[in-house]
C-alpha atoms as a PDB file:
ATOM      1  CA  MET A   1      94.442 -16.133 -27.666  1.00  0.00           C
ATOM      2  CA  LYS A   2      91.173 -16.219 -29.422  1.00  0.00           C
ATOM      3  CA  LYS A   3      91.994 -14.918 -32.363  1.00  0.00           C
ATOM      4  CA  LEU A   4      94.911 -17.339 -32.554  1.00  0.00           C
ATOM      5  CA  LEU A   5      92.444 -20.178 -31.962  1.00  0.00           C
ATOM      6  CA  ARG A   6      90.038 -18.842 -34.778  1.00  0.00           C
ATOM      7  CA  LYS A   7      92.767 -19.096 -37.204  1.00  0.00           C
ATOM      8  CA  ILE A   8      93.797 -22.236 -36.371  1.00  0.00           C
ATOM      9  CA  LEU A   9      90.261 -23.781 -36.568  1.00  0.00           C
ATOM     10  CA  ALA A  10      89.449 -21.895 -39.917  1.00  0.00           C
ATOM     11  CA  PRO A  11      89.091 -24.737 -41.478  1.00  0.00           C
ATOM     12  CA  ILE A  12      86.304 -26.092 -39.538  1.00  0.00           C
ATOM     13  CA  LEU A  13      84.608 -22.383 -38.345  1.00  0.00           C
ATOM     14  CA  THR A  14      84.842 -20.972 -42.083  1.00  0.00           C
ATOM     15  CA  PRO A  15      81.835 -23.271 -43.425  1.00  0.00           C
ATOM     16  CA  LEU A  16      80.042 -22.850 -40.627  1.00  0.00           C
ATOM     17  CA  GLU A  17      79.987 -18.970 -40.663  1.00  0.00           C
ATOM     18  CA  THR A  18      79.374 -18.256 -44.195  1.00  0.00           C
ATOM     19  CA  GLY A  19      75.979 -17.110 -45.326  1.00  0.00           C
ATOM     20  CA  SER A  20      74.058 -13.828 -45.332  1.00  0.00           C
ATOM     21  CA  ASP A  21      70.580 -15.440 -44.543  1.00  0.00           C
ATOM     22  CA  PRO A  22      68.947 -14.447 -41.282  1.00  0.00           C
ATOM     23  CA  TYR A  23      69.321 -16.818 -37.797  1.00  0.00           C
ATOM     24  CA  ASP A  24      67.695 -17.631 -34.633  1.00  0.00           C
ATOM     25  CA  TYR A  25      70.390 -17.221 -32.081  1.00  0.00           C
ATOM     26  CA  LEU A  26      69.729 -18.376 -28.327  1.00  0.00           C
ATOM     27  CA  PRO A  27      72.809 -18.271 -26.085  1.00  0.00           C
ATOM     28  CA  THR A  28      71.192 -21.494 -24.603  1.00  0.00           C
ATOM     29  CA  HIS A  29      72.437 -22.824 -27.621  1.00  0.00           C
ATOM     30  CA  ARG A  30      76.050 -22.367 -27.062  1.00  0.00           C
ATOM     31  CA  THR A  31      76.001 -23.650 -23.381  1.00  0.00           C
ATOM     32  CA  PHE A  32      74.067 -26.331 -24.769  1.00  0.00           C
ATOM     33  CA  LEU A  33      77.159 -27.093 -27.219  1.00  0.00           C
ATOM     34  CA  LYS A  34      79.811 -26.587 -24.292  1.00  0.00           C
ATOM     35  CA  VAL A  35      78.010 -29.308 -22.382  1.00  0.00           C
ATOM     36  CA  LEU A  36      77.538 -31.810 -25.680  1.00  0.00           C
ATOM     37  CA  GLY A  37      81.228 -31.530 -26.321  1.00  0.00           C
ATOM     38  CA  VAL A  38      82.094 -32.430 -22.793  1.00  0.00           C
ATOM     39  CA  LEU A  39      80.148 -35.380 -22.491  1.00  0.00           C
ATOM     40  CA  PHE A  40      81.283 -36.630 -26.149  1.00  0.00           C
ATOM     41  CA  LEU A  41      85.065 -36.609 -25.163  1.00  0.00           C
ATOM     42  CA  GLY A  42      83.748 -38.039 -21.406  1.00  0.00           C
ATOM     43  CA  ILE A  43      82.492 -40.860 -23.883  1.00  0.00           C
ATOM     44  CA  ALA A  44      85.570 -40.454 -25.663  1.00  0.00           C
ATOM     45  CA  SER A  45      88.045 -41.246 -22.601  1.00  0.00           C
ATOM     46  CA  VAL A  46      85.766 -43.940 -20.981  1.00  0.00           C
ATOM     47  CA  THR A  47      85.843 -45.890 -24.271  1.00  0.00           C
ATOM     48  CA  LEU A  48      89.660 -45.626 -24.968  1.00  0.00           C
ATOM     49  CA  TYR A  49      90.055 -46.357 -20.856  1.00  0.00           C
ATOM     50  CA  PHE A  50      88.275 -49.860 -21.646  1.00  0.00           C
ATOM     51  CA  THR A  51      89.665 -50.310 -25.161  1.00  0.00           C
ATOM     52  CA  VAL A  52      93.228 -50.286 -23.654  1.00  0.00           C
ATOM     53  CA  GLN A  53      92.047 -52.539 -20.621  1.00  0.00           C
ATOM     54  CA  ILE A  54      90.600 -55.264 -23.300  1.00  0.00           C
ATOM     55  CA  SER A  55      92.755 -54.746 -25.777  1.00  0.00           C
ATOM     56  CA  GLN A  56      90.747 -54.837 -28.132  1.00  0.00           C
ATOM     57  CA  TRP A  57      92.102 -51.802 -30.910  1.00  0.00           C
ATOM     58  CA  ALA A  58      88.866 -51.989 -33.064  1.00  0.00           C
ATOM     59  CA  GLY A  59      87.342 -49.533 -30.160  1.00  0.00           C
ATOM     60  CA  LEU A  60      89.439 -46.882 -31.396  1.00  0.00           C
ATOM     61  CA  LEU A  61      87.181 -46.123 -34.336  1.00  0.00           C
ATOM     62  CA  PRO A  62      84.272 -44.838 -31.911  1.00  0.00           C
ATOM     63  CA  VAL A  63      87.266 -43.292 -29.533  1.00  0.00           C
ATOM     64  CA  THR A  64      87.821 -41.410 -32.674  1.00  0.00           C
ATOM     65  CA  LEU A  65      84.720 -40.277 -33.648  1.00  0.00           C
ATOM     66  CA  PHE A  66      83.160 -39.833 -29.886  1.00  0.00           C
ATOM     67  CA  ALA A  67      86.670 -37.307 -29.288  1.00  0.00           C
ATOM     68  CA  GLY A  68      86.029 -35.713 -32.910  1.00  0.00           C
ATOM     69  CA  ILE A  69      82.805 -34.618 -32.484  1.00  0.00           C
ATOM     70  CA  GLY A  70      83.444 -33.406 -28.777  1.00  0.00           C
ATOM     71  CA  PHE A  71      86.260 -31.107 -30.260  1.00  0.00           C
ATOM     72  CA  ILE A  72      84.478 -30.183 -32.911  1.00  0.00           C
ATOM     73  CA  SER A  73      81.472 -29.086 -30.617  1.00  0.00           C
ATOM     74  CA  LEU A  74      83.651 -27.328 -28.155  1.00  0.00           C
ATOM     75  CA  ALA A  75      85.764 -25.566 -30.855  1.00  0.00           C
ATOM     76  CA  VAL A  76      82.129 -24.187 -32.041  1.00  0.00           C
ATOM     77  CA  ALA A  77      80.963 -23.286 -28.737  1.00  0.00           C
ATOM     78  CA  LEU A  78      84.099 -21.543 -27.397  1.00  0.00           C
ATOM     79  CA  VAL A  79      85.227 -19.549 -30.424  1.00  0.00           C
ATOM     80  CA  GLY A  80      82.820 -20.051 -32.732  1.00  0.00           C
ATOM     81  CA  SER A  81      80.299 -16.979 -33.944  1.00  0.00           C
ATOM     82  CA  ASP A  82      76.536 -16.873 -33.086  1.00  0.00           C
ATOM     83  CA  ARG A  83      75.991 -18.061 -37.242  1.00  0.00           C
ATOM     84  CA  ALA A  84      78.256 -21.215 -36.372  1.00  0.00           C
ATOM     85  CA  ILE A  85      76.149 -22.044 -33.816  1.00  0.00           C
ATOM     86  CA  THR A  86      73.233 -21.832 -35.154  1.00  0.00           C
ATOM     87  CA  LYS A  87      74.081 -23.601 -38.397  1.00  0.00           C
ATOM     88  CA  ILE A  88      75.513 -26.818 -36.097  1.00  0.00           C
ATOM     89  CA  TRP A  89      71.430 -26.736 -34.898  1.00  0.00           C
ATOM     90  CA  ARG A  90      70.198 -25.639 -37.943  1.00  0.00           C
ATOM     91  CA  ASN A  91      68.033 -23.053 -36.524  1.00  0.00           C
ATOM     92  CA  ARG A  92      66.476 -20.402 -39.433  1.00  0.00           C
ATOM     93  CA  SER A  93      64.265 -18.027 -38.775  1.00  0.00           C
END
């Protein structure tokens, strides 16, 4: 399953996983990225709910942005390599 997801998410993961420079990875970076992704998806859900409730369709822009950030964060955290996590945080030794 992970191999299939990596293939589907290749346009997101490939730029983050390229390079041969040394990097400094900590497992807590992956955990924090998962939490960040869930929080952004939660914000997107709440924003979508209120956007529909008040019928202000301009609220779909923040929903799209928050959901996109949440999706990318979770995708990289769940199936990305250690190098991809490091590039997200820009941690280099």
